Protein backbone atom coordinates (compact mmCIF):
# COMPACT_ATOMS: atom_id res chain seq x y z
CA MET A 1 0.00 0.00 0.00
CA ASP A 2 1.12 3.56 -0.67
CA ASN A 3 1.78 6.42 1.75
CA PRO A 4 -1.66 7.00 3.32
CA LEU A 5 -0.94 10.68 3.95
CA ALA A 6 0.10 11.57 0.41
CA LYS A 7 -3.28 11.43 -1.35
CA ARG A 8 -6.75 12.82 -0.78
CA ARG A 9 -8.68 10.45 1.45
CA ALA A 10 -11.61 10.40 3.85
CA GLY A 11 -11.81 8.40 7.05
CA VAL A 12 -13.68 7.80 10.28
CA LEU A 13 -12.74 8.19 13.94
CA LEU A 14 -14.28 5.28 15.83
CA HIS A 15 -12.76 3.51 18.81
CA VAL A 16 -12.92 -0.28 18.99
CA THR A 17 -14.98 -0.10 22.18
CA SER A 18 -17.67 1.75 20.22
CA LEU A 19 -18.27 -1.26 17.95
CA PRO A 20 -21.44 -3.21 18.83
CA SER A 21 -19.37 -5.88 20.59
CA GLY A 22 -16.60 -3.55 21.78
CA ARG A 23 -14.08 -6.24 20.82
CA LEU A 24 -11.56 -7.21 18.14
CA ASP A 25 -13.93 -9.61 16.43
CA ASP A 26 -16.12 -10.01 13.35
CA GLU A 27 -17.88 -6.71 14.10
CA ALA A 28 -14.62 -4.95 13.18
CA LEU A 29 -14.55 -6.80 9.87
CA ARG A 30 -18.16 -5.84 9.19
CA TRP A 31 -17.26 -2.22 9.98
CA LEU A 32 -14.38 -2.33 7.48
CA ASP A 33 -16.73 -3.73 4.85
CA PHE A 34 -19.07 -0.78 5.47
CA MET A 35 -16.16 1.63 5.14
CA GLU A 36 -15.19 0.11 1.81
CA SER A 37 -18.74 0.45 0.50
CA ALA A 38 -18.73 4.12 1.54
CA GLY A 39 -15.36 4.89 -0.07
CA LEU A 40 -13.74 5.60 3.31
CA SER A 41 -10.11 4.54 3.43
CA VAL A 42 -8.76 5.48 6.90
CA TRP A 43 -10.01 4.06 10.21
CA GLN A 44 -8.74 5.92 13.27
CA VAL A 45 -8.99 4.40 16.74
CA LEU A 46 -7.97 5.58 20.18
CA PRO A 47 -5.08 3.85 22.00
CA LEU A 48 -5.73 0.09 22.32
CA VAL A 49 -4.04 -0.02 25.72
CA ILE A 50 -5.52 -0.78 29.14
CA PRO A 51 -7.56 2.27 30.23
CA ASP A 52 -7.43 3.82 33.68
CA SER A 53 -10.17 3.45 36.29
CA HIS A 54 -12.23 6.16 34.55
CA GLY A 55 -11.99 4.42 31.18
CA SER A 56 -9.43 6.76 29.62
CA PRO A 57 -6.96 5.05 27.26
CA TYR A 58 -4.59 8.02 27.65
CA GLN A 59 -3.44 7.01 31.16
CA SER A 60 -2.48 3.34 30.97
CA GLU A 61 -0.44 0.93 33.04
CA SER A 62 1.42 -0.04 29.87
CA ALA A 63 2.48 1.84 26.76
CA PHE A 64 2.59 -1.47 24.87
CA ALA A 65 0.03 -3.98 26.15
CA MET A 66 -3.46 -4.16 24.66
CA ASP A 67 -6.58 -4.15 26.83
CA PRO A 68 -7.64 -7.78 27.55
CA ARG A 69 -11.27 -6.61 27.47
CA LEU A 70 -10.85 -6.29 23.70
CA LEU A 71 -10.33 -10.06 23.39
CA PRO A 72 -12.82 -11.78 21.09
CA VAL A 73 -15.28 -14.02 22.91
CA ASN A 74 -14.35 -17.69 22.48
CA ALA A 75 -11.02 -16.86 20.86
CA ALA A 76 -9.29 -19.88 19.36
CA ASP A 77 -6.61 -21.70 21.33
CA VAL A 78 -3.04 -20.66 20.73
CA ASP A 79 0.09 -22.67 20.09
CA ASP A 80 2.68 -22.43 22.87
CA ALA A 81 5.51 -22.22 20.35
CA ASP A 82 3.86 -19.19 18.71
CA VAL A 83 3.46 -17.52 22.09
CA GLU A 84 7.12 -18.06 22.92
CA GLU A 85 8.16 -16.60 19.56
CA PHE A 86 5.90 -13.61 20.22
CA CYS A 87 7.43 -13.09 23.67
CA ALA A 88 10.95 -13.20 22.25
CA ALA A 89 10.02 -10.50 19.73
CA ASN A 90 8.34 -8.34 22.41
CA PRO A 91 10.70 -8.01 25.39
CA TRP A 92 8.35 -5.51 27.08
CA LEU A 93 5.96 -8.39 27.76
CA ASP A 94 8.01 -9.99 30.54
CA ASP A 95 8.05 -6.76 32.54
CA PHE A 96 4.37 -6.16 31.90
CA ALA A 97 3.33 -9.64 33.01
CA LEU A 98 5.33 -9.29 36.23
CA PHE A 99 3.88 -5.83 36.80
CA ARG A 100 0.30 -7.13 36.43
CA VAL A 101 0.93 -10.00 38.83
CA LEU A 102 2.55 -7.75 41.42
CA LYS A 103 -0.28 -5.22 41.16
CA ARG A 104 -2.72 -7.99 42.02
CA GLN A 105 -0.55 -9.25 44.87
CA HIS A 106 -0.37 -5.76 46.35
CA ASP A 107 -4.09 -4.94 46.11
CA ASN A 108 -3.62 -2.77 43.02
CA ARG A 109 -1.53 -0.24 44.94
CA PRO A 110 0.93 1.94 42.97
CA TRP A 111 4.31 0.32 42.49
CA THR A 112 5.92 2.99 44.67
CA ASP A 113 3.93 1.55 47.62
CA TRP A 114 5.20 -2.01 47.15
CA PRO A 115 7.78 -3.62 49.42
CA VAL A 116 11.29 -2.45 48.60
CA ALA A 117 12.35 -5.77 47.03
CA HIS A 118 9.50 -5.60 44.51
CA ARG A 119 9.61 -1.85 44.03
CA GLU A 120 13.32 -1.88 43.26
CA ARG A 121 13.19 -5.13 41.24
CA ASP A 122 15.42 -7.31 43.39
CA ALA A 123 16.41 -10.20 41.13
CA ASP A 124 15.82 -12.94 43.71
CA ALA A 125 12.45 -11.51 44.73
CA LEU A 126 11.27 -11.28 41.11
CA ALA A 127 12.48 -14.81 40.38
CA ALA A 128 10.41 -16.06 43.32
CA VAL A 129 7.33 -14.24 41.95
CA GLN A 130 7.90 -15.80 38.52
CA ARG A 131 8.04 -19.29 40.00
CA LYS A 132 4.97 -18.81 42.17
CA GLU A 133 2.88 -17.04 39.54
CA ASP A 134 4.00 -19.01 36.48
CA ALA A 135 0.45 -19.94 35.43
CA GLU A 136 -0.80 -16.35 35.66
CA ILE A 137 2.23 -15.01 33.79
CA ARG A 138 1.65 -17.53 31.01
CA LYS A 139 -1.99 -16.47 30.83
CA ILE A 140 -1.04 -12.82 30.45
CA ARG A 141 1.41 -13.67 27.69
CA ARG A 142 -1.22 -15.74 25.85
CA GLN A 143 -3.71 -12.88 26.17
CA GLN A 144 -1.34 -10.41 24.55
CA PHE A 145 -0.50 -12.85 21.77
CA THR A 146 -4.19 -13.51 21.13
CA LEU A 147 -4.99 -9.79 21.08
CA THR A 148 -2.18 -9.13 18.60
CA ARG A 149 -3.35 -12.01 16.44
CA ALA A 150 -6.92 -10.65 16.45
CA TRP A 151 -5.69 -7.17 15.48
CA SER A 152 -3.50 -8.64 12.73
CA ARG A 153 -6.62 -10.30 11.27
CA ILE A 154 -8.35 -6.92 11.23
CA HIS A 155 -5.27 -5.29 9.71
CA ARG A 156 -5.19 -7.84 6.88
CA HIS A 157 -8.91 -7.34 6.24
CA ALA A 158 -8.34 -3.58 6.06
CA ARG A 159 -5.34 -3.91 3.75
CA ASP A 160 -7.29 -6.14 1.39
CA ARG A 161 -9.87 -3.34 1.10
CA GLY A 162 -7.40 -0.50 0.67
CA ILE A 163 -8.09 0.84 4.15
CA PHE A 164 -5.37 2.26 6.40
CA LEU A 165 -5.43 1.87 10.18
CA PHE A 166 -4.68 5.03 12.16
CA GLY A 167 -3.50 4.74 15.78
CA ASP A 168 -2.89 7.19 18.58
CA ILE A 169 -0.42 7.48 21.47
CA PRO A 170 -0.10 9.96 24.34
CA ILE A 171 3.38 11.45 24.35
CA PHE A 172 3.79 10.72 28.07
CA VAL A 173 3.24 7.51 30.04
CA ALA A 174 1.49 7.05 33.37
CA HIS A 175 3.56 7.06 36.53
CA ASP A 176 1.96 3.86 37.80
CA SER A 177 2.97 1.86 34.75
CA ALA A 178 5.14 -1.07 33.81
CA GLU A 179 7.49 1.30 31.99
CA THR A 180 8.33 3.52 34.94
CA TRP A 181 8.66 0.51 37.26
CA ALA A 182 10.86 -1.48 34.86
CA GLN A 183 12.99 1.40 33.54
CA PRO A 184 12.97 4.14 36.20
CA ASP A 185 16.23 5.59 34.89
CA ASN A 186 14.31 6.82 31.83
CA PHE A 187 12.19 9.12 34.01
CA LEU A 188 12.74 12.02 36.42
CA LEU A 189 12.09 10.14 39.68
CA ASP A 190 13.44 10.43 43.20
CA ALA A 191 15.01 7.61 45.23
CA ASP A 192 11.56 6.26 46.15
CA GLY A 193 10.36 6.23 42.54
CA ASN A 194 8.14 9.30 42.80
CA PRO A 195 8.26 12.04 40.14
CA THR A 196 10.37 15.08 40.87
CA TYR A 197 8.62 17.01 38.09
CA VAL A 198 5.28 16.26 36.44
CA THR A 199 3.66 17.11 33.12
CA GLY A 200 0.97 19.61 32.20
CA VAL A 201 0.41 22.89 30.40
CA PRO A 202 0.52 26.44 31.77
CA PRO A 203 -2.47 28.71 32.41
CA ASP A 204 -4.21 30.02 29.31
CA TYR A 205 -7.47 31.59 28.13
CA PHE A 206 -9.37 28.40 29.02
CA SER A 207 -7.84 27.64 32.43
CA ALA A 208 -6.54 30.12 34.99
CA THR A 209 -4.57 27.39 36.76
CA GLY A 210 -3.41 25.48 33.67
CA GLN A 211 -3.59 21.70 33.49
CA ARG A 212 -1.60 19.42 35.80
CA TRP A 213 -1.56 15.96 34.20
CA GLY A 214 0.83 14.40 36.68
CA ASN A 215 2.82 12.09 34.37
CA PRO A 216 6.54 11.84 35.10
CA HIS A 217 8.84 13.62 32.68
CA TYR A 218 11.36 11.70 30.61
CA ARG A 219 15.06 11.87 31.26
CA TRP A 220 15.68 13.04 27.75
CA ASP A 221 19.44 13.24 28.25
CA ARG A 222 19.63 9.55 29.08
CA MET A 223 17.29 8.58 26.25
CA GLN A 224 19.32 10.52 23.74
CA ALA A 225 22.57 9.05 25.07
CA ASP A 226 21.47 5.49 24.22
CA GLY A 227 20.12 6.46 20.80
CA PHE A 228 16.45 6.67 21.90
CA GLN A 229 16.19 2.89 22.17
CA TRP A 230 12.99 3.04 24.25
CA TRP A 231 11.35 5.34 21.73
CA HIS A 232 12.43 3.14 18.83
CA ALA A 233 10.82 0.15 20.53
CA ARG A 234 7.66 2.12 21.29
CA MET A 235 7.22 3.50 17.80
CA GLN A 236 8.14 0.24 16.07
CA HIS A 237 5.44 -1.44 18.13
CA GLN A 238 2.94 1.16 16.93
CA PHE A 239 4.05 0.90 13.30
CA ASN A 240 3.53 -2.86 13.51
CA LEU A 241 -0.08 -2.26 14.53
CA PHE A 242 -0.96 0.80 12.44
CA ASP A 243 -0.25 2.44 9.10
CA ILE A 244 -0.45 5.95 10.66
CA VAL A 245 0.21 7.05 14.24
CA ARG A 246 -0.87 10.30 15.89
CA ILE A 247 1.38 11.66 18.66
CA ASP A 248 -0.77 13.46 21.19
CA HIS A 249 0.71 16.71 22.58
CA PHE A 250 3.31 16.84 19.80
CA ARG A 251 4.54 20.18 21.09
CA GLY A 252 6.26 18.19 23.85
CA LEU A 253 8.87 17.18 21.27
CA ALA A 254 9.99 20.83 21.21
CA ALA A 255 9.56 21.80 24.86
CA VAL A 256 7.67 20.60 27.94
CA TRP A 257 6.08 22.41 30.89
CA MET A 258 7.93 21.34 34.03
CA ILE A 259 5.86 21.40 37.24
CA GLU A 260 7.46 20.56 40.58
CA SER A 261 5.66 17.49 41.88
CA GLN A 262 4.56 19.13 45.13
CA CYS A 263 2.68 21.86 43.23
CA GLU A 264 -1.06 21.21 43.16
CA THR A 265 -1.69 23.26 40.00
CA ALA A 266 0.22 24.02 36.82
CA ILE A 267 0.59 27.74 37.58
CA GLU A 268 4.17 27.47 38.74
CA GLY A 269 6.33 25.85 36.12
CA PHE A 270 8.82 26.48 33.37
CA TRP A 271 9.42 25.45 29.79
CA GLU A 272 12.32 23.12 29.12
CA ASP A 273 13.54 22.21 25.64
CA THR A 274 13.49 18.58 24.54
CA PRO A 275 15.53 16.81 21.81
CA GLY A 276 12.54 16.08 19.61
CA ASP A 277 14.50 17.06 16.50
CA ALA A 278 17.12 14.40 17.26
CA LEU A 279 14.43 11.85 18.08
CA LEU A 280 12.52 12.41 14.84
CA ALA A 281 15.78 12.29 12.87
CA ALA A 282 16.57 8.93 14.47
CA LEU A 283 13.08 7.62 13.72
CA GLN A 284 13.24 8.88 10.14
CA GLN A 285 16.41 6.87 9.55
CA ARG A 286 14.36 3.71 10.16
CA HIS A 287 10.99 4.82 8.79
CA GLU A 288 10.86 6.96 5.64
CA PRO A 289 8.51 8.67 5.25
CA LEU A 290 7.47 8.95 8.88
CA PRO A 291 3.79 7.92 9.05
CA ILE A 292 3.13 10.30 11.95
CA VAL A 293 0.42 12.91 12.48
CA ALA A 294 1.29 15.70 14.91
CA GLU A 295 -1.43 16.73 17.34
CA ASP A 296 -0.67 20.45 17.30
CA LEU A 297 -3.91 21.93 18.61
CA GLY A 298 -3.94 24.91 20.95
CA VAL A 299 -1.32 27.63 21.21
CA ILE A 300 1.55 26.44 19.03
CA THR A 301 4.85 28.30 18.81
CA ASP A 302 6.94 28.64 15.68
CA ASP A 303 9.53 26.11 16.84
CA VAL A 304 6.84 23.43 17.07
CA LYS A 305 5.54 24.29 13.62
CA GLN A 306 9.03 24.24 12.13
CA LEU A 307 9.76 20.86 13.72
CA ARG A 308 6.61 19.41 12.17
CA LEU A 309 7.37 20.87 8.77
CA LYS A 310 11.01 19.73 8.84
CA TYR A 311 9.89 16.10 8.95
CA GLY A 312 6.89 16.49 6.68
CA LEU A 313 4.38 15.60 9.38
CA PRO A 314 0.73 16.61 8.92
CA GLY A 315 -0.84 18.70 11.68
CA MET A 316 -4.46 18.85 12.81
CA THR A 317 -7.35 21.23 12.29
CA VAL A 318 -10.85 21.00 13.78
CA LEU A 319 -13.80 22.68 12.06
CA GLN A 320 -15.62 23.30 15.35
CA PHE A 321 -12.79 25.71 16.20
CA ALA A 322 -13.21 27.72 12.98
CA PHE A 323 -15.85 30.19 14.04
CA ASP A 324 -14.19 33.30 15.37
CA HIS A 325 -13.37 36.66 13.77
CA PHE A 326 -9.65 36.06 13.29
CA GLU A 327 -8.87 35.67 9.61
CA ASP A 328 -5.65 33.75 10.32
CA ASN A 329 -7.44 31.08 12.37
CA PRO A 330 -5.87 27.83 11.02
CA HIS A 331 -9.15 25.95 11.52
CA LYS A 332 -11.10 28.09 9.05
CA PRO A 333 -11.81 26.02 5.91
CA THR A 334 -10.08 28.53 3.62
CA ASN A 335 -6.87 28.32 5.68
CA ILE A 336 -6.63 24.51 5.73
CA ARG A 337 -3.69 23.16 3.70
CA PRO A 338 -2.95 19.77 2.14
CA ASP A 339 -0.60 18.83 5.00
CA ASP A 340 -3.40 19.23 7.55
CA VAL A 341 -5.66 16.46 8.77
CA VAL A 342 -9.06 18.11 9.08
CA TYR A 343 -11.65 16.86 11.58
CA THR A 344 -15.26 17.88 12.01
CA GLY A 345 -14.51 17.15 15.69
CA THR A 346 -12.31 14.82 17.71
CA HIS A 347 -13.02 12.39 20.56
CA ASP A 348 -12.64 15.37 22.95
CA ASN A 349 -15.26 17.50 21.16
CA ASP A 350 -19.01 17.33 21.41
CA THR A 351 -20.69 15.90 18.33
CA CYS A 352 -21.38 18.50 15.65
CA GLU A 353 -25.11 18.29 16.37
CA GLY A 354 -24.57 18.63 20.12
CA TRP A 355 -22.10 21.48 19.67
CA PHE A 356 -24.46 23.38 17.36
CA GLN A 357 -27.46 22.95 19.65
CA LYS A 358 -25.56 24.75 22.42
CA LEU A 359 -24.77 27.83 20.28
CA GLU A 360 -26.71 31.08 20.58
CA PRO A 361 -28.82 32.07 17.54
CA HIS A 362 -26.32 34.73 16.43
CA GLU A 363 -23.51 32.19 16.73
CA ARG A 364 -25.39 29.76 14.54
CA ASP A 365 -25.87 32.51 11.97
CA PHE A 366 -22.12 33.15 12.02
CA VAL A 367 -21.43 29.45 11.38
CA PHE A 368 -23.47 29.57 8.18
CA GLU A 369 -21.88 32.87 7.21
CA THR A 370 -18.38 31.51 7.69
CA LEU A 371 -19.18 28.36 5.72
CA ASP A 372 -20.92 30.45 3.03
CA ALA A 373 -23.90 28.12 3.24
CA PRO A 374 -27.65 28.57 3.64
CA PRO A 375 -29.09 27.61 7.03
CA THR A 376 -29.76 23.90 7.44
CA ASP A 377 -31.22 21.62 10.10
CA ASP A 378 -28.44 19.09 9.43
CA ILE A 379 -25.29 20.79 10.67
CA ALA A 380 -23.35 17.51 10.77
CA GLU A 381 -23.94 16.98 7.07
CA LEU A 382 -22.76 20.51 6.30
CA MET A 383 -19.62 20.09 8.41
CA ILE A 384 -18.81 16.77 6.74
CA GLU A 385 -19.21 18.30 3.28
CA THR A 386 -17.06 21.26 4.33
CA ALA A 387 -14.29 19.02 5.67
CA MET A 388 -14.24 16.94 2.51
CA GLN A 389 -14.12 20.04 0.31
CA THR A 390 -11.05 21.50 2.02
CA GLN A 391 -7.54 21.14 0.64
CA ALA A 392 -6.56 18.74 3.45
CA ASN A 393 -5.30 15.44 2.10
CA LEU A 394 -7.04 13.60 4.92
CA ALA A 395 -10.55 14.45 6.13
CA MET A 396 -11.68 12.66 9.28
CA MET A 397 -15.16 12.45 10.82
CA PRO A 398 -16.27 10.75 14.03
CA LEU A 399 -18.94 8.15 13.28
CA GLN A 400 -21.26 10.12 15.55
CA ASP A 401 -21.19 12.95 13.00
CA LEU A 402 -21.78 10.61 10.07
CA LEU A 403 -24.91 9.48 11.94
CA GLY A 404 -25.94 13.03 12.92
CA LEU A 405 -26.08 12.18 16.65
CA ASP A 406 -26.39 14.68 19.50
CA SER A 407 -24.47 15.12 22.77
CA GLN A 408 -25.69 11.81 24.19
CA ALA A 409 -23.23 10.15 21.81
CA ARG A 410 -20.25 12.27 22.90
CA MET A 411 -17.15 10.15 23.58
CA ASN A 412 -15.27 12.31 26.09
CA THR A 413 -15.67 15.60 27.95
CA PRO A 414 -12.19 16.79 29.06
CA GLY A 415 -11.99 17.66 32.73
CA VAL A 416 -14.93 15.40 33.60
CA THR A 417 -13.99 12.02 35.06
CA GLU A 418 -17.31 10.17 34.98
CA GLY A 419 -19.50 9.09 32.07
CA ASN A 420 -16.87 9.14 29.32
CA TRP A 421 -15.58 6.55 26.84
CA ARG A 422 -18.85 4.58 26.87
CA TRP A 423 -20.60 5.30 23.58
CA ARG A 424 -21.36 2.25 21.44
CA PHE A 425 -23.33 2.02 18.21
CA GLN A 426 -25.75 -0.59 16.90
CA TRP A 427 -26.12 -1.33 13.22
CA GLU A 428 -29.87 -0.66 13.37
CA ILE A 429 -29.27 3.11 13.63
CA PHE A 430 -27.45 3.28 10.27
CA PRO A 431 -29.62 4.83 7.54
CA THR A 432 -29.94 2.39 4.65
CA ASP A 433 -28.56 4.97 2.20
CA LEU A 434 -25.65 6.16 4.39
CA ALA A 435 -22.90 4.32 2.49
CA ALA A 436 -24.21 5.53 -0.87
CA ARG A 437 -24.43 9.15 0.31
CA LEU A 438 -20.92 9.05 1.72
CA LEU A 439 -19.53 7.46 -1.42
CA GLU A 440 -21.05 10.27 -3.46
CA LYS A 441 -19.32 12.87 -1.27
CA VAL A 442 -16.02 10.99 -1.39
CA ASP A 443 -16.15 10.82 -5.19
CA ALA A 444 -17.22 14.46 -5.57
CA THR A 445 -14.21 15.65 -3.52
CA GLY A 446 -11.60 13.39 -5.12
CA ARG A 447 -11.11 11.25 -2.03
CA ARG A 448 -11.97 7.83 -3.49
CA HIS A 449 -9.37 5.23 -2.60
CA ALA A 450 -8.15 2.53 -4.97
CA SER A 451 -8.55 -0.84 -3.24
């Protein structure tokens, strides 16, 4: 297959958990068949990792392991020899399996609260755990092999239909994760394993106290000294699963906001440069062209833009952000360029219908004025048509917008911990002519893929 980011295409944002089964099973194949019939050639999902207690896949206990809840029901038995070969090719799996077992043994407490021998990975103590928990460790390994096999089946089905799979990773990893426990020297941690500085973003127009995410910062000096081996392993893992990968908070590859761990907000902090240029250069040596999309939403400085352009990485625009009175707003349809990925909305936005319903009458009028379109009762349809008509090579729409759904179908509301990540569709709500209507739009805007 060719470079998915080099030609005009249209795709859909739909997480696996939003499929009728919420699993990596035949429903995913049926979804891909629908996409083919509609001329859609890019399927974007959220991270496939284990979500946190609130359901967010952006704070996971592993940057590599898939969520066992995605396992197909009644998955076929696996061959032990295949599992062993898989483990040898995925060295992260040994640490992850041990981490999972120890979390269970210690009542799911953070690894920094474990006994010293386990927290600091004493070799004899870990060997004893491996002997005692051999059956559970083997089960975890089989699960990850089975999940990868199920995803590979989906990937083949997509490839046969000319459809690219589009993944997503948060730039940072969770503190209570297998990665920080297994490789603490890669992170800014104190002698007890706790972060000395944590991640976030400074105060802005939307938040007077900024955002304190709480992830540990990388020890970029150490990572660069060993040739970014951890990053190579992480990105290779993603490129094995996906044809395209979005890096969330891409601006962190230029500079990061450093917050002292004892600070309760993000007000007090400072910017520190990171060697993202060197990292991308190292990745480009192994992967050319780099199939990466840079999440560059928000206030983006020139150094971030130049870093993205240097490596030919598409950025992001969101049509819901287009409606202000600033002519240079990059989200306005007339300002969108071929190297942008345009979205009607993302998983963090309300649906187009829900967003529009909350606007004041004069704001709705301004939407139609900006889009140079007559008023319509189907704002989602208008936004989809607008996205497809832009110069962006890749136009992406959440399935909720393709179905014209309101706020009840919203995937995530940032800053709200409960009630997110739950939306799931049923085939019965699909209009019978939806595929045909989408195919007509895809053809009219030159986005038809060649399967």
